[in-house]
Amino acid sequence: ILTGSGPKAFVAGADISEFLSLSSDEGSSLAKKGQDIFMRLENC
């Protein structure tokens, strides 16, 4: 069972502060990392 802490949010999004310094290639790598992790949940 996956949930979030506190009464306000499950997960309110990605941490946008980490996006400002990313290049196009780094953005693609971040997306692929998230996709891979979430795909592992889906295929668990």
PDB file of all heavy atoms in Angstrom:
ATOM      1  N   ILE A   1       0.863  -1.172   0.000  1.00  0.00           N
ATOM      2  CA  ILE A   1       0.000   0.000   0.000  1.00  0.00           C
ATOM      3  C   ILE A   1       0.902   1.224   0.000  1.00  0.00           C
ATOM      4  O   ILE A   1       1.768   1.366   0.869  1.00  0.00           O
ATOM      5  CB  ILE A   1      -0.944   0.024   1.210  1.00  0.00           C
ATOM      6  CG1 ILE A   1      -1.909  -1.167   1.163  1.00  0.00           C
ATOM      7  CG2 ILE A   1      -1.732   1.330   1.260  1.00  0.00           C
ATOM      8  CD1 ILE A   1      -2.780  -1.309   2.397  1.00  0.00           C
ATOM      9  N   LEU A   2       0.705   2.096  -0.963  1.00  0.00           N
ATOM     10  CA  LEU A   2       1.538   3.280  -1.130  1.00  0.00           C
ATOM     11  C   LEU A   2       0.700   4.513  -0.836  1.00  0.00           C
ATOM     12  O   LEU A   2      -0.392   4.679  -1.387  1.00  0.00           O
ATOM     13  CB  LEU A   2       2.078   3.329  -2.561  1.00  0.00           C
ATOM     14  CG  LEU A   2       3.035   4.444  -2.941  1.00  0.00           C
ATOM     15  CD1 LEU A   2       4.316   4.366  -2.113  1.00  0.00           C
ATOM     16  CD2 LEU A   2       3.371   4.362  -4.424  1.00  0.00           C
ATOM     17  N   THR A   3       1.201   5.404   0.030  1.00  0.00           N
ATOM     18  CA  THR A   3       0.442   6.595   0.398  1.00  0.00           C
ATOM     19  C   THR A   3       1.399   7.748   0.686  1.00  0.00           C
ATOM     20  O   THR A   3       2.613   7.619   0.539  1.00  0.00           O
ATOM     21  CB  THR A   3      -0.486   6.300   1.594  1.00  0.00           C
ATOM     22  OG1 THR A   3      -1.419   7.370   1.757  1.00  0.00           O
ATOM     23  CG2 THR A   3       0.310   6.096   2.881  1.00  0.00           C
ATOM     24  N   GLY A   4       0.820   8.892   1.078  1.00  0.00           N
ATOM     25  CA  GLY A   4       1.614  10.068   1.408  1.00  0.00           C
ATOM     26  C   GLY A   4       1.405  10.477   2.850  1.00  0.00           C
ATOM     27  O   GLY A   4       0.375  10.175   3.460  1.00  0.00           O
ATOM     28  N   SER A   5       2.366  11.205   3.386  1.00  0.00           N
ATOM     29  CA  SER A   5       2.317  11.633   4.778  1.00  0.00           C
ATOM     30  C   SER A   5       1.480  12.897   4.935  1.00  0.00           C
ATOM     31  O   SER A   5       1.518  13.793   4.094  1.00  0.00           O
ATOM     32  CB  SER A   5       3.745  11.890   5.276  1.00  0.00           C
ATOM     33  OG  SER A   5       3.744  12.294   6.622  1.00  0.00           O
ATOM     34  N   GLY A   6       0.712  12.948   6.019  1.00  0.00           N
ATOM     35  CA  GLY A   6      -0.083  14.131   6.300  1.00  0.00           C
ATOM     36  C   GLY A   6      -1.441  14.098   5.621  1.00  0.00           C
ATOM     37  O   GLY A   6      -1.714  13.250   4.776  1.00  0.00           O
ATOM     38  N   PRO A   7      -2.311  15.063   5.968  1.00  0.00           N
ATOM     39  CA  PRO A   7      -3.691  15.059   5.458  1.00  0.00           C
ATOM     40  C   PRO A   7      -3.879  15.761   4.121  1.00  0.00           C
ATOM     41  O   PRO A   7      -4.964  15.716   3.559  1.00  0.00           O
ATOM     42  CB  PRO A   7      -4.445  15.821   6.557  1.00  0.00           C
ATOM     43  CG  PRO A   7      -3.429  16.807   7.073  1.00  0.00           C
ATOM     44  CD  PRO A   7      -2.099  16.104   7.001  1.00  0.00           C
ATOM     45  N   LYS A   8      -2.842  16.405   3.597  1.00  0.00           N
ATOM     46  CA  LYS A   8      -3.034  17.267   2.428  1.00  0.00           C
ATOM     47  C   LYS A   8      -2.685  16.610   1.103  1.00  0.00           C
ATOM     48  O   LYS A   8      -3.282  16.944   0.074  1.00  0.00           O
ATOM     49  CB  LYS A   8      -2.211  18.547   2.572  1.00  0.00           C
ATOM     50  CG  LYS A   8      -2.652  19.455   3.703  1.00  0.00           C
ATOM     51  CD  LYS A   8      -1.808  20.718   3.737  1.00  0.00           C
ATOM     52  CE  LYS A   8      -2.268  21.657   4.849  1.00  0.00           C
ATOM     53  NZ  LYS A   8      -1.440  22.898   4.882  1.00  0.00           N
ATOM     54  N   ALA A   9      -1.693  15.724   1.106  1.00  0.00           N
ATOM     55  CA  ALA A   9      -1.181  15.277  -0.187  1.00  0.00           C
ATOM     56  C   ALA A   9      -0.763  13.819  -0.179  1.00  0.00           C
ATOM     57  O   ALA A   9      -0.169  13.328   0.785  1.00  0.00           O
ATOM     58  CB  ALA A   9       0.009  16.141  -0.615  1.00  0.00           C
ATOM     59  N   PHE A  10      -1.088  13.141  -1.266  1.00  0.00           N
ATOM     60  CA  PHE A  10      -0.457  11.866  -1.636  1.00  0.00           C
ATOM     61  C   PHE A  10       0.942  12.201  -2.143  1.00  0.00           C
ATOM     62  O   PHE A  10       1.928  11.981  -1.462  1.00  0.00           O
ATOM     63  CB  PHE A  10      -1.313  11.186  -2.699  1.00  0.00           C
ATOM     64  CG  PHE A  10      -0.708   9.942  -3.305  1.00  0.00           C
ATOM     65  CD1 PHE A  10      -0.608   8.777  -2.578  1.00  0.00           C
ATOM     66  CD2 PHE A  10      -0.258   9.953  -4.614  1.00  0.00           C
ATOM     67  CE1 PHE A  10      -0.053   7.628  -3.141  1.00  0.00           C
ATOM     68  CE2 PHE A  10       0.278   8.814  -5.196  1.00  0.00           C
ATOM     69  CZ  PHE A  10       0.392   7.656  -4.458  1.00  0.00           C
ATOM     70  N   VAL A  11       1.019  12.776  -3.305  1.00  0.00           N
ATOM     71  CA  VAL A  11       2.237  13.380  -3.846  1.00  0.00           C
ATOM     72  C   VAL A  11       1.774  14.534  -4.727  1.00  0.00           C
ATOM     73  O   VAL A  11       1.028  14.323  -5.690  1.00  0.00           O
ATOM     74  CB  VAL A  11       3.065  12.379  -4.676  1.00  0.00           C
ATOM     75  CG1 VAL A  11       4.193  13.092  -5.422  1.00  0.00           C
ATOM     76  CG2 VAL A  11       3.645  11.289  -3.783  1.00  0.00           C
ATOM     77  N   ALA A  12       2.196  15.752  -4.397  1.00  0.00           N
ATOM     78  CA  ALA A  12       1.693  16.930  -5.103  1.00  0.00           C
ATOM     79  C   ALA A  12       2.514  17.258  -6.350  1.00  0.00           C
ATOM     80  O   ALA A  12       2.376  18.345  -6.898  1.00  0.00           O
ATOM     81  CB  ALA A  12       1.658  18.134  -4.168  1.00  0.00           C
ATOM     82  N   GLY A  13       3.344  16.321  -6.795  1.00  0.00           N
ATOM     83  CA  GLY A  13       4.101  16.536  -8.022  1.00  0.00           C
ATOM     84  C   GLY A  13       5.569  16.237  -7.836  1.00  0.00           C
ATOM     85  O   GLY A  13       5.999  15.734  -6.796  1.00  0.00           O
ATOM     86  N   ALA A  14       6.339  16.554  -8.860  1.00  0.00           N
ATOM     87  CA  ALA A  14       7.791  16.430  -8.771  1.00  0.00           C
ATOM     88  C   ALA A  14       8.339  17.671  -8.072  1.00  0.00           C
ATOM     89  O   ALA A  14       7.655  18.688  -7.938  1.00  0.00           O
ATOM     90  CB  ALA A  14       8.399  16.285 -10.164  1.00  0.00           C
ATOM     91  N   ASP A  15       9.571  17.577  -7.606  1.00  0.00           N
ATOM     92  CA  ASP A  15      10.230  18.717  -6.975  1.00  0.00           C
ATOM     93  C   ASP A  15      10.764  19.622  -8.084  1.00  0.00           C
ATOM     94  O   ASP A  15      11.821  19.376  -8.659  1.00  0.00           O
ATOM     95  CB  ASP A  15      11.359  18.225  -6.069  1.00  0.00           C
ATOM     96  CG  ASP A  15      11.849  19.312  -5.119  1.00  0.00           C
ATOM     97  OD1 ASP A  15      11.789  20.491  -5.520  1.00  0.00           O
ATOM     98  OD2 ASP A  15      12.289  18.991  -4.011  1.00  0.00           O
ATOM     99  N   ILE A  16      10.010  20.672  -8.398  1.00  0.00           N
ATOM    100  CA  ILE A  16      10.303  21.523  -9.546  1.00  0.00           C
ATOM    101  C   ILE A  16      11.650  22.220  -9.400  1.00  0.00           C
ATOM    102  O   ILE A  16      12.307  22.552 -10.400  1.00  0.00           O
ATOM    103  CB  ILE A  16       9.180  22.562  -9.742  1.00  0.00           C
ATOM    104  CG1 ILE A  16       7.819  21.870  -9.859  1.00  0.00           C
ATOM    105  CG2 ILE A  16       9.440  23.423 -10.966  1.00  0.00           C
ATOM    106  CD1 ILE A  16       7.735  20.852 -10.955  1.00  0.00           C
ATOM    107  N   SER A  17      12.083  22.442  -8.160  1.00  0.00           N
ATOM    108  CA  SER A  17      13.360  23.132  -7.952  1.00  0.00           C
ATOM    109  C   SER A  17      14.525  22.370  -8.569  1.00  0.00           C
ATOM    110  O   SER A  17      15.567  22.962  -8.861  1.00  0.00           O
ATOM    111  CB  SER A  17      13.605  23.351  -6.455  1.00  0.00           C
ATOM    112  OG  SER A  17      13.765  22.108  -5.780  1.00  0.00           O
ATOM    113  N   GLU A  18      14.358  21.077  -8.778  1.00  0.00           N
ATOM    114  CA  GLU A  18      15.434  20.280  -9.377  1.00  0.00           C
ATOM    115  C   GLU A  18      15.477  20.413 -10.899  1.00  0.00           C
ATOM    116  O   GLU A  18      16.413  19.948 -11.538  1.00  0.00           O
ATOM    117  CB  GLU A  18      15.282  18.803  -8.995  1.00  0.00           C
ATOM    118  CG  GLU A  18      15.459  18.536  -7.514  1.00  0.00           C
ATOM    119  CD  GLU A  18      15.488  17.048  -7.179  1.00  0.00           C
ATOM    120  OE1 GLU A  18      15.013  16.239  -8.015  1.00  0.00           O
ATOM    121  OE2 GLU A  18      15.985  16.696  -6.103  1.00  0.00           O
ATOM    122  N   PHE A  19      14.466  21.040 -11.489  1.00  0.00           N
ATOM    123  CA  PHE A  19      14.367  21.096 -12.952  1.00  0.00           C
ATOM    124  C   PHE A  19      15.192  22.218 -13.574  1.00  0.00           C
ATOM    125  O   PHE A  19      15.576  22.146 -14.735  1.00  0.00           O
ATOM    126  CB  PHE A  19      12.908  21.299 -13.379  1.00  0.00           C
ATOM    127  CG  PHE A  19      12.024  20.092 -13.194  1.00  0.00           C
ATOM    128  CD1 PHE A  19      12.470  18.956 -12.546  1.00  0.00           C
ATOM    129  CD2 PHE A  19      10.729  20.107 -13.674  1.00  0.00           C
ATOM    130  CE1 PHE A  19      11.647  17.847 -12.377  1.00  0.00           C
ATOM    131  CE2 PHE A  19       9.894  19.015 -13.519  1.00  0.00           C
ATOM    132  CZ  PHE A  19      10.352  17.885 -12.865  1.00  0.00           C
ATOM    133  N   LEU A  20      15.445  23.272 -12.809  1.00  0.00           N
ATOM    134  CA  LEU A  20      15.973  24.502 -13.395  1.00  0.00           C
ATOM    135  C   LEU A  20      17.330  24.332 -14.066  1.00  0.00           C
ATOM    136  O   LEU A  20      17.625  25.013 -15.043  1.00  0.00           O
ATOM    137  CB  LEU A  20      16.061  25.594 -12.312  1.00  0.00           C
ATOM    138  CG  LEU A  20      14.717  26.124 -11.806  1.00  0.00           C
ATOM    139  CD1 LEU A  20      14.927  27.083 -10.651  1.00  0.00           C
ATOM    140  CD2 LEU A  20      13.947  26.802 -12.931  1.00  0.00           C
ATOM    141  N   SER A  21      18.135  23.433 -13.551  1.00  0.00           N
ATOM    142  CA  SER A  21      19.494  23.298 -14.076  1.00  0.00           C
ATOM    143  C   SER A  21      19.640  22.194 -15.118  1.00  0.00           C
ATOM    144  O   SER A  21      20.737  21.941 -15.604  1.00  0.00           O
ATOM    145  CB  SER A  21      20.473  23.021 -12.921  1.00  0.00           C
ATOM    146  OG  SER A  21      20.148  21.785 -12.285  1.00  0.00           O
ATOM    147  N   LEU A  22      18.541  21.527 -15.478  1.00  0.00           N
ATOM    148  CA  LEU A  22      18.637  20.359 -16.350  1.00  0.00           C
ATOM    149  C   LEU A  22      18.741  20.746 -17.818  1.00  0.00           C
ATOM    150  O   LEU A  22      18.029  21.632 -18.295  1.00  0.00           O
ATOM    151  CB  LEU A  22      17.425  19.447 -16.158  1.00  0.00           C
ATOM    152  CG  LEU A  22      17.217  18.823 -14.776  1.00  0.00           C
ATOM    153  CD1 LEU A  22      15.989  17.935 -14.784  1.00  0.00           C
ATOM    154  CD2 LEU A  22      18.441  18.028 -14.338  1.00  0.00           C
ATOM    155  N   SER A  23      19.598  20.040 -18.536  1.00  0.00           N
ATOM    156  CA  SER A  23      19.657  20.149 -19.986  1.00  0.00           C
ATOM    157  C   SER A  23      18.585  19.246 -20.602  1.00  0.00           C
ATOM    158  O   SER A  23      17.924  18.476 -19.896  1.00  0.00           O
ATOM    159  CB  SER A  23      21.027  19.720 -20.493  1.00  0.00           C
ATOM    160  OG  SER A  23      21.225  18.332 -20.271  1.00  0.00           O
ATOM    161  N   SER A  24      18.429  19.315 -21.920  1.00  0.00           N
ATOM    162  CA  SER A  24      17.469  18.458 -22.607  1.00  0.00           C
ATOM    163  C   SER A  24      17.780  16.990 -22.372  1.00  0.00           C
ATOM    164  O   SER A  24      16.887  16.190 -22.066  1.00  0.00           O
ATOM    165  CB  SER A  24      17.477  18.765 -24.106  1.00  0.00           C
ATOM    166  OG  SER A  24      16.592  17.912 -24.796  1.00  0.00           O
ATOM    167  N   ASP A  25      19.060  16.613 -22.502  1.00  0.00           N
ATOM    168  CA  ASP A  25      19.445  15.222 -22.287  1.00  0.00           C
ATOM    169  C   ASP A  25      19.206  14.799 -20.848  1.00  0.00           C
ATOM    170  O   ASP A  25      18.758  13.668 -20.584  1.00  0.00           O
ATOM    171  CB  ASP A  25      20.919  15.016 -22.653  1.00  0.00           C
ATOM    172  CG  ASP A  25      21.157  15.050 -24.153  1.00  0.00           C
ATOM    173  OD1 ASP A  25      20.177  14.938 -24.914  1.00  0.00           O
ATOM    174  OD2 ASP A  25      22.327  15.196 -24.558  1.00  0.00           O
ATOM    175  N   GLU A  26      19.490  15.692 -19.909  1.00  0.00           N
ATOM    176  CA  GLU A  26      19.281  15.369 -18.492  1.00  0.00           C
ATOM    177  C   GLU A  26      17.792  15.248 -18.186  1.00  0.00           C
ATOM    178  O   GLU A  26      17.381  14.413 -17.373  1.00  0.00           O
ATOM    179  CB  GLU A  26      19.927  16.434 -17.613  1.00  0.00           C
ATOM    180  CG  GLU A  26      21.449  16.383 -17.628  1.00  0.00           C
ATOM    181  CD  GLU A  26      22.082  17.605 -16.989  1.00  0.00           C
ATOM    182  OE1 GLU A  26      21.434  18.685 -16.955  1.00  0.00           O
ATOM    183  OE2 GLU A  26      23.235  17.494 -16.529  1.00  0.00           O
ATOM    184  N   GLY A  27      16.973  16.074 -18.852  1.00  0.00           N
ATOM    185  CA  GLY A  27      15.522  15.958 -18.679  1.00  0.00           C
ATOM    186  C   GLY A  27      15.008  14.619 -19.180  1.00  0.00           C
ATOM    187  O   GLY A  27      14.183  13.969 -18.530  1.00  0.00           O
ATOM    188  N   SER A  28      15.505  14.188 -20.338  1.00  0.00           N
ATOM    189  CA  SER A  28      15.106  12.879 -20.871  1.00  0.00           C
ATOM    190  C   SER A  28      15.535  11.756 -19.943  1.00  0.00           C
ATOM    191  O   SER A  28      14.782  10.795 -19.717  1.00  0.00           O
ATOM    192  CB  SER A  28      15.720  12.670 -22.259  1.00  0.00           C
ATOM    193  OG  SER A  28      15.171  13.573 -23.196  1.00  0.00           O
ATOM    194  N   SER A  29      16.732  11.870 -19.392  1.00  0.00           N
ATOM    195  CA  SER A  29      17.230  10.833 -18.474  1.00  0.00           C
ATOM    196  C   SER A  29      16.385  10.773 -17.216  1.00  0.00           C
ATOM    197  O   SER A  29      16.093   9.685 -16.704  1.00  0.00           O
ATOM    198  CB  SER A  29      18.694  11.118 -18.105  1.00  0.00           C
ATOM    199  OG  SER A  29      19.524  10.989 -19.231  1.00  0.00           O
ATOM    200  N   LEU A  30      15.977  11.939 -16.708  1.00  0.00           N
ATOM    201  CA  LEU A  30      15.116  11.972 -15.524  1.00  0.00           C
ATOM    202  C   LEU A  30      13.780  11.304 -15.814  1.00  0.00           C
ATOM    203  O   LEU A  30      13.276  10.506 -15.006  1.00  0.00           O
ATOM    204  CB  LEU A  30      14.900  13.413 -15.068  1.00  0.00           C
ATOM    205  CG  LEU A  30      13.946  13.608 -13.885  1.00  0.00           C
ATOM    206  CD1 LEU A  30      14.477  12.930 -12.628  1.00  0.00           C
ATOM    207  CD2 LEU A  30      13.708  15.092 -13.630  1.00  0.00           C
ATOM    208  N   ALA A  31      13.192  11.614 -16.982  1.00  0.00           N
ATOM    209  CA  ALA A  31      11.921  11.005 -17.356  1.00  0.00           C
ATOM    210  C   ALA A  31      12.051   9.492 -17.446  1.00  0.00           C
ATOM    211  O   ALA A  31      11.202   8.744 -16.944  1.00  0.00           O
ATOM    212  CB  ALA A  31      11.427  11.580 -18.682  1.00  0.00           C
ATOM    213  N   LYS A  32      13.126   9.022 -18.076  1.00  0.00           N
ATOM    214  CA  LYS A  32      13.321   7.579 -18.223  1.00  0.00           C
ATOM    215  C   LYS A  32      13.512   6.898 -16.880  1.00  0.00           C
ATOM    216  O   LYS A  32      13.028   5.782 -16.659  1.00  0.00           O
ATOM    217  CB  LYS A  32      14.497   7.310 -19.151  1.00  0.00           C
ATOM    218  CG  LYS A  32      14.204   7.659 -20.608  1.00  0.00           C
ATOM    219  CD  LYS A  32      15.433   7.515 -21.499  1.00  0.00           C
ATOM    220  CE  LYS A  32      15.118   7.936 -22.928  1.00  0.00           C
ATOM    221  NZ  LYS A  32      16.328   7.901 -23.794  1.00  0.00           N
ATOM    222  N   LYS A  33      14.198   7.585 -15.958  1.00  0.00           N
ATOM    223  CA  LYS A  33      14.381   7.014 -14.621  1.00  0.00           C
ATOM    224  C   LYS A  33      13.028   6.864 -13.926  1.00  0.00           C
ATOM    225  O   LYS A  33      12.716   5.808 -13.360  1.00  0.00           O
ATOM    226  CB  LYS A  33      15.302   7.909 -13.791  1.00  0.00           C
ATOM    227  CG  LYS A  33      15.508   7.413 -12.364  1.00  0.00           C
ATOM    228  CD  LYS A  33      16.423   8.352 -11.579  1.00  0.00           C
ATOM    229  CE  LYS A  33      16.613   7.865 -10.144  1.00  0.00           C
ATOM    230  NZ  LYS A  33      17.481   8.772  -9.367  1.00  0.00           N
ATOM    231  N   GLY A  34      12.208   7.916 -13.968  1.00  0.00           N
ATOM    232  CA  GLY A  34      10.884   7.836 -13.354  1.00  0.00           C
ATOM    233  C   GLY A  34      10.021   6.781 -14.015  1.00  0.00           C
ATOM    234  O   GLY A  34       9.315   6.026 -13.346  1.00  0.00           O
ATOM    235  N   GLN A  35      10.058   6.737 -15.353  1.00  0.00           N
ATOM    236  CA  GLN A  35       9.285   5.727 -16.076  1.00  0.00           C
ATOM    237  C   GLN A  35       9.696   4.317 -15.682  1.00  0.00           C
ATOM    238  O   GLN A  35       8.842   3.443 -15.484  1.00  0.00           O
ATOM    239  CB  GLN A  35       9.455   5.920 -17.581  1.00  0.00           C
ATOM    240  CG  GLN A  35       8.745   7.129 -18.142  1.00  0.00           C
ATOM    241  CD  GLN A  35       9.032   7.327 -19.618  1.00  0.00           C
ATOM    242  OE1 GLN A  35       9.710   6.506 -20.245  1.00  0.00           O
ATOM    243  NE2 GLN A  35       8.528   8.407 -20.187  1.00  0.00           N
ATOM    244  N   ASP A  36      10.990   4.084 -15.564  1.00  0.00           N
ATOM    245  CA  ASP A  36      11.485   2.749 -15.214  1.00  0.00           C
ATOM    246  C   ASP A  36      10.999   2.328 -13.834  1.00  0.00           C
ATOM    247  O   ASP A  36      10.569   1.181 -13.634  1.00  0.00           O
ATOM    248  CB  ASP A  36      13.012   2.714 -15.260  1.00  0.00           C
ATOM    249  CG  ASP A  36      13.568   2.763 -16.673  1.00  0.00           C
ATOM    250  OD1 ASP A  36      12.791   2.561 -17.625  1.00  0.00           O
ATOM    251  OD2 ASP A  36      14.781   3.018 -16.814  1.00  0.00           O
ATOM    252  N   ILE A  37      11.062   3.251 -12.877  1.00  0.00           N
ATOM    253  CA  ILE A  37      10.640   2.927 -11.508  1.00  0.00           C
ATOM    254  C   ILE A  37       9.140   2.665 -11.467  1.00  0.00           C
ATOM    255  O   ILE A  37       8.671   1.684 -10.863  1.00  0.00           O
ATOM    256  CB  ILE A  37      11.024   4.064 -10.544  1.00  0.00           C
ATOM    257  CG1 ILE A  37      12.550   4.163 -10.434  1.00  0.00           C
ATOM    258  CG2 ILE A  37      10.413   3.839  -9.158  1.00  0.00           C
ATOM    259  CD1 ILE A  37      13.037   5.393  -9.699  1.00  0.00           C
ATOM    260  N   PHE A  38       8.361   3.508 -12.127  1.00  0.00           N
ATOM    261  CA  PHE A  38       6.914   3.339 -12.114  1.00  0.00           C
ATOM    262  C   PHE A  38       6.497   2.086 -12.885  1.00  0.00           C
ATOM    263  O   PHE A  38       5.520   1.425 -12.529  1.00  0.00           O
ATOM    264  CB  PHE A  38       6.227   4.578 -12.679  1.00  0.00           C
ATOM    265  CG  PHE A  38       6.341   5.811 -11.817  1.00  0.00           C
ATOM    266  CD1 PHE A  38       7.095   5.806 -10.649  1.00  0.00           C
ATOM    267  CD2 PHE A  38       5.704   6.979 -12.164  1.00  0.00           C
ATOM    268  CE1 PHE A  38       7.207   6.934  -9.851  1.00  0.00           C
ATOM    269  CE2 PHE A  38       5.799   8.118 -11.379  1.00  0.00           C
ATOM    270  CZ  PHE A  38       6.557   8.090 -10.214  1.00  0.00           C
ATOM    271  N   MET A  39       7.248   1.757 -13.942  1.00  0.00           N
ATOM    272  CA  MET A  39       6.958   0.525 -14.681  1.00  0.00           C
ATOM    273  C   MET A  39       7.206  -0.702 -13.809  1.00  0.00           C
ATOM    274  O   MET A  39       6.477  -1.710 -13.909  1.00  0.00           O
ATOM    275  CB  MET A  39       7.824   0.452 -15.936  1.00  0.00           C
ATOM    276  CG  MET A  39       7.479  -0.694 -16.870  1.00  0.00           C
ATOM    277  SD  MET A  39       5.841  -0.524 -17.624  1.00  0.00           S
ATOM    278  CE  MET A  39       6.184   0.782 -18.812  1.00  0.00           C
ATOM    279  N   ARG A  40       8.200  -0.628 -12.935  1.00  0.00           N
ATOM    280  CA  ARG A  40       8.460  -1.741 -12.024  1.00  0.00           C
ATOM    281  C   ARG A  40       7.291  -1.932 -11.059  1.00  0.00           C
ATOM    282  O   ARG A  40       6.954  -3.067 -10.715  1.00  0.00           O
ATOM    283  CB  ARG A  40       9.760  -1.513 -11.245  1.00  0.00           C
ATOM    284  CG  ARG A  40      11.005  -1.458 -12.110  1.00  0.00           C
ATOM    285  CD  ARG A  40      12.248  -1.314 -11.264  1.00  0.00           C
ATOM    286  NE  ARG A  40      12.532  -2.561 -10.569  1.00  0.00           N
ATOM    287  CZ  ARG A  40      13.183  -2.646  -9.405  1.00  0.00           C
ATOM    288  NH1 ARG A  40      13.589  -1.547  -8.791  1.00  0.00           N
ATOM    289  NH2 ARG A  40      13.413  -3.807  -8.849  1.00  0.00           N
ATOM    290  N   LEU A  41       6.673  -0.835 -10.623  1.00  0.00           N
ATOM    291  CA  LEU A  41       5.474  -0.950  -9.790  1.00  0.00           C
ATOM    292  C   LEU A  41       4.341  -1.588 -10.578  1.00  0.00           C
ATOM    293  O   LEU A  41       3.668  -2.500 -10.098  1.00  0.00           O
ATOM    294  CB  LEU A  41       5.034   0.432  -9.297  1.00  0.00           C
ATOM    295  CG  LEU A  41       5.639   0.988  -8.023  1.00  0.00           C
ATOM    296  CD1 LEU A  41       5.085   2.373  -7.752  1.00  0.00           C
ATOM    297  CD2 LEU A  41       5.397   0.074  -6.834  1.00  0.00           C
ATOM    298  N   GLU A  42       4.118  -1.105 -11.796  1.00  0.00           N
ATOM    299  CA  GLU A  42       3.028  -1.616 -12.613  1.00  0.00           C
ATOM    300  C   GLU A  42       3.180  -3.105 -12.909  1.00  0.00           C
ATOM    301  O   GLU A  42       2.202  -3.846 -12.943  1.00  0.00           O
ATOM    302  CB  GLU A  42       2.976  -0.833 -13.931  1.00  0.00           C
ATOM    303  CG  GLU A  42       1.819  -1.217 -14.831  1.00  0.00           C
ATOM    304  CD  GLU A  42       1.718  -0.296 -16.033  1.00  0.00           C
ATOM    305  OE1 GLU A  42       2.550  -0.437 -16.954  1.00  0.00           O
ATOM    306  OE2 GLU A  42       0.822   0.568 -16.037  1.00  0.00           O
ATOM    307  N   ASN A  43       4.411  -3.541 -13.119  1.00  0.00           N
ATOM    308  CA  ASN A  43       4.677  -4.936 -13.464  1.00  0.00           C
ATOM    309  C   ASN A  43       5.007  -5.805 -12.257  1.00  0.00           C
ATOM    310  O   ASN A  43       5.317  -6.990 -12.421  1.00  0.00           O
ATOM    311  CB  ASN A  43       5.818  -5.016 -14.475  1.00  0.00           C
ATOM    312  CG  ASN A  43       5.410  -4.485 -15.837  1.00  0.00           C
ATOM    313  OD1 ASN A  43       4.275  -4.646 -16.251  1.00  0.00           O
ATOM    314  ND2 ASN A  43       6.337  -3.843 -16.531  1.00  0.00           N
ATOM    315  N   CYS A  44       4.930  -5.247 -11.057  1.00  0.00           N
ATOM    316  CA  CYS A  44       5.186  -6.029  -9.851  1.00  0.00           C
ATOM    317  C   CYS A  44       4.190  -7.186  -9.776  1.00  0.00           C
ATOM    318  O   CYS A  44       2.993  -7.006 -10.006  1.00  0.00           O
ATOM    319  CB  CYS A  44       5.059  -5.131  -8.619  1.00  0.00           C
ATOM    320  SG  CYS A  44       5.403  -5.981  -7.061  1.00  0.00           S
TER     321      CYS A  44
END
